């Protein structure tokens, strides 16, 4: 299993963008763990 650690800025837009990217990565790599 691969682990990806994500850091983001504190704004609502930044958090939403991070969630969108995380969701897309999980569809491509279902066994990835994002924290």
PDB file of N, CA and C in Angstrom:
ATOM      1  N   UNK A   1       0.842  -1.174   0.000  1.00  0.00           N
ATOM      2  CA  UNK A   1       0.000   0.000   0.000  1.00  0.00           C
ATOM      3  C   UNK A   1       0.889   1.239   0.000  1.00  0.00           C
ATOM      4  N   UNK A   2       0.520   2.200  -0.797  1.00  0.00           N
ATOM      5  CA  UNK A   2       1.249   3.462  -0.834  1.00  0.00           C
ATOM      6  C   UNK A   2       0.487   4.496  -0.027  1.00  0.00           C
ATOM      7  N   UNK A   3       1.233   5.377   0.638  1.00  0.00           N
ATOM      8  CA  UNK A   3       0.635   6.427   1.454  1.00  0.00           C
ATOM      9  C   UNK A   3       1.041   7.771   0.883  1.00  0.00           C
ATOM     10  N   UNK A   4       0.064   8.635   0.700  1.00  0.00           N
ATOM     11  CA  UNK A   4       0.295   9.988   0.226  1.00  0.00           C
ATOM     12  C   UNK A   4      -0.140  10.945   1.320  1.00  0.00           C
ATOM     13  N   UNK A   5       0.772  11.787   1.777  1.00  0.00           N
ATOM     14  CA  UNK A   5       0.445  12.788   2.781  1.00  0.00           C
ATOM     15  C   UNK A   5       0.195  14.109   2.071  1.00  0.00           C
ATOM     16  N   UNK A   6      -0.964  14.699   2.351  1.00  0.00           N
ATOM     17  CA  UNK A   6      -1.383  15.919   1.665  1.00  0.00           C
ATOM     18  C   UNK A   6      -1.388  17.077   2.651  1.00  0.00           C
ATOM     19  N   UNK A   7      -0.816  18.190   2.229  1.00  0.00           N
ATOM     20  CA  UNK A   7      -0.874  19.428   3.011  1.00  0.00           C
ATOM     21  C   UNK A   7      -1.643  20.448   2.183  1.00  0.00           C
ATOM     22  N   UNK A   8      -2.474  21.228   2.836  1.00  0.00           N
ATOM     23  CA  UNK A   8      -3.281  22.212   2.125  1.00  0.00           C
ATOM     24  C   UNK A   8      -3.381  23.498   2.931  1.00  0.00           C
ATOM     25  N   UNK A   9      -3.775  24.536   2.245  1.00  0.00           N
ATOM     26  CA  UNK A   9      -4.017  25.810   2.927  1.00  0.00           C
ATOM     27  C   UNK A   9      -5.325  25.705   3.706  1.00  0.00           C
ATOM     28  N   UNK A  10      -5.620  26.698   4.505  1.00  0.00           N
ATOM     29  CA  UNK A  10      -6.765  26.613   5.397  1.00  0.00           C
ATOM     30  C   UNK A  10      -8.097  27.061   4.849  1.00  0.00           C
ATOM     31  N   UNK A  11      -8.159  27.568   3.632  1.00  0.00           N
ATOM     32  CA  UNK A  11      -9.424  28.081   3.113  1.00  0.00           C
ATOM     33  C   UNK A  11     -10.357  26.985   2.631  1.00  0.00           C
ATOM     34  N   UNK A  12     -11.631  27.334   2.525  1.00  0.00           N
ATOM     35  CA  UNK A  12     -12.640  26.370   2.083  1.00  0.00           C
ATOM     36  C   UNK A  12     -12.363  25.890   0.660  1.00  0.00           C
ATOM     37  N   UNK A  13     -11.941  26.789  -0.225  1.00  0.00           N
ATOM     38  CA  UNK A  13     -11.650  26.401  -1.604  1.00  0.00           C
ATOM     39  C   UNK A  13     -10.486  25.417  -1.654  1.00  0.00           C
ATOM     40  N   UNK A  14      -9.449  25.666  -0.883  1.00  0.00           N
ATOM     41  CA  UNK A  14      -8.280  24.781  -0.867  1.00  0.00           C
ATOM     42  C   UNK A  14      -8.657  23.395  -0.357  1.00  0.00           C
ATOM     43  N   UNK A  15      -9.481  23.335   0.667  1.00  0.00           N
ATOM     44  CA  UNK A  15      -9.903  22.048   1.219  1.00  0.00           C
ATOM     45  C   UNK A  15     -10.741  21.289   0.191  1.00  0.00           C
ATOM     46  N   UNK A  16     -11.640  21.995  -0.486  1.00  0.00           N
ATOM     47  CA  UNK A  16     -12.474  21.367  -1.513  1.00  0.00           C
ATOM     48  C   UNK A  16     -11.624  20.837  -2.655  1.00  0.00           C
ATOM     49  N   UNK A  17     -10.646  21.621  -3.093  1.00  0.00           N
ATOM     50  CA  UNK A  17      -9.762  21.175  -4.166  1.00  0.00           C
ATOM     51  C   UNK A  17      -8.994  19.923  -3.749  1.00  0.00           C
ATOM     52  N   UNK A  18      -8.537  19.883  -2.518  1.00  0.00           N
ATOM     53  CA  UNK A  18      -7.809  18.718  -2.012  1.00  0.00           C
ATOM     54  C   UNK A  18      -8.705  17.485  -2.001  1.00  0.00           C
ATOM     55  N   UNK A  19      -9.960  17.650  -1.601  1.00  0.00           N
ATOM     56  CA  UNK A  19     -10.897  16.530  -1.580  1.00  0.00           C
ATOM     57  C   UNK A  19     -11.170  16.005  -2.988  1.00  0.00           C
ATOM     58  N   UNK A  20     -11.280  16.906  -3.965  1.00  0.00           N
ATOM     59  CA  UNK A  20     -11.520  16.498  -5.353  1.00  0.00           C
ATOM     60  C   UNK A  20     -10.336  15.691  -5.880  1.00  0.00           C
ATOM     61  N   UNK A  21      -9.134  16.182  -5.632  1.00  0.00           N
ATOM     62  CA  UNK A  21      -7.932  15.479  -6.095  1.00  0.00           C
ATOM     63  C   UNK A  21      -7.801  14.128  -5.388  1.00  0.00           C
ATOM     64  N   UNK A  22      -8.063  14.086  -4.094  1.00  0.00           N
ATOM     65  CA  UNK A  22      -7.985  12.832  -3.340  1.00  0.00           C
ATOM     66  C   UNK A  22      -8.969  11.807  -3.893  1.00  0.00           C
ATOM     67  N   UNK A  23     -10.172  12.250  -4.194  1.00  0.00           N
ATOM     68  CA  UNK A  23     -11.189  11.360  -4.744  1.00  0.00           C
ATOM     69  C   UNK A  23     -10.762  10.800  -6.100  1.00  0.00           C
ATOM     70  N   UNK A  24     -10.206  11.656  -6.942  1.00  0.00           N
ATOM     71  CA  UNK A  24      -9.747  11.216  -8.264  1.00  0.00           C
ATOM     72  C   UNK A  24      -8.607  10.206  -8.139  1.00  0.00           C
ATOM     73  N   UNK A  25      -7.681  10.459  -7.229  1.00  0.00           N
ATOM     74  CA  UNK A  25      -6.560   9.533  -7.035  1.00  0.00           C
ATOM     75  C   UNK A  25      -7.038   8.174  -6.535  1.00  0.00           C
ATOM     76  N   UNK A  26      -8.040   8.168  -5.654  1.00  0.00           N
ATOM     77  CA  UNK A  26      -8.553   6.902  -5.132  1.00  0.00           C
ATOM     78  C   UNK A  26      -9.246   6.093  -6.219  1.00  0.00           C
ATOM     79  N   UNK A  27      -9.838   6.772  -7.205  1.00  0.00           N
ATOM     80  CA  UNK A  27     -10.460   6.046  -8.317  1.00  0.00           C
ATOM     81  C   UNK A  27      -9.398   5.396  -9.197  1.00  0.00           C
ATOM     82  N   UNK A  28      -8.275   6.076  -9.381  1.00  0.00           N
ATOM     83  CA  UNK A  28      -7.195   5.549 -10.218  1.00  0.00           C
ATOM     84  C   UNK A  28      -6.386   4.496  -9.460  1.00  0.00           C
ATOM     85  N   UNK A  29      -6.092   4.779  -8.187  1.00  0.00           N
ATOM     86  CA  UNK A  29      -5.288   3.886  -7.335  1.00  0.00           C
ATOM     87  C   UNK A  29      -6.120   3.497  -6.110  1.00  0.00           C
ATOM     88  N   UNK A  30      -6.990   2.495  -6.220  1.00  0.00           N
ATOM     89  CA  UNK A  30      -7.891   2.157  -5.115  1.00  0.00           C
ATOM     90  C   UNK A  30      -7.190   1.740  -3.826  1.00  0.00           C
ATOM     91  N   UNK A  31      -5.946   1.283  -3.910  1.00  0.00           N
ATOM     92  CA  UNK A  31      -5.248   0.824  -2.700  1.00  0.00           C
ATOM     93  C   UNK A  31      -4.410   1.920  -2.047  1.00  0.00           C
ATOM     94  N   UNK A  32      -4.520   3.164  -2.527  1.00  0.00           N
ATOM     95  CA  UNK A  32      -3.723   4.255  -1.959  1.00  0.00           C
ATOM     96  C   UNK A  32      -4.370   4.747  -0.657  1.00  0.00           C
ATOM     97  N   UNK A  33      -3.537   5.136   0.275  1.00  0.00           N
ATOM     98  CA  UNK A  33      -4.023   5.714   1.528  1.00  0.00           C
ATOM     99  C   UNK A  33      -3.608   7.180   1.527  1.00  0.00           C
ATOM    100  N   UNK A  34      -4.579   8.059   1.670  1.00  0.00           N
ATOM    101  CA  UNK A  34      -4.307   9.499   1.669  1.00  0.00           C
ATOM    102  C   UNK A  34      -4.594  10.026   3.061  1.00  0.00           C
ATOM    103  N   UNK A  35      -3.602  10.747   3.586  1.00  0.00           N
ATOM    104  CA  UNK A  35      -3.799  11.322   4.923  1.00  0.00           C
ATOM    105  C   UNK A  35      -3.464  12.785   4.915  1.00  0.00           C
TER     106      UNK A  35
END
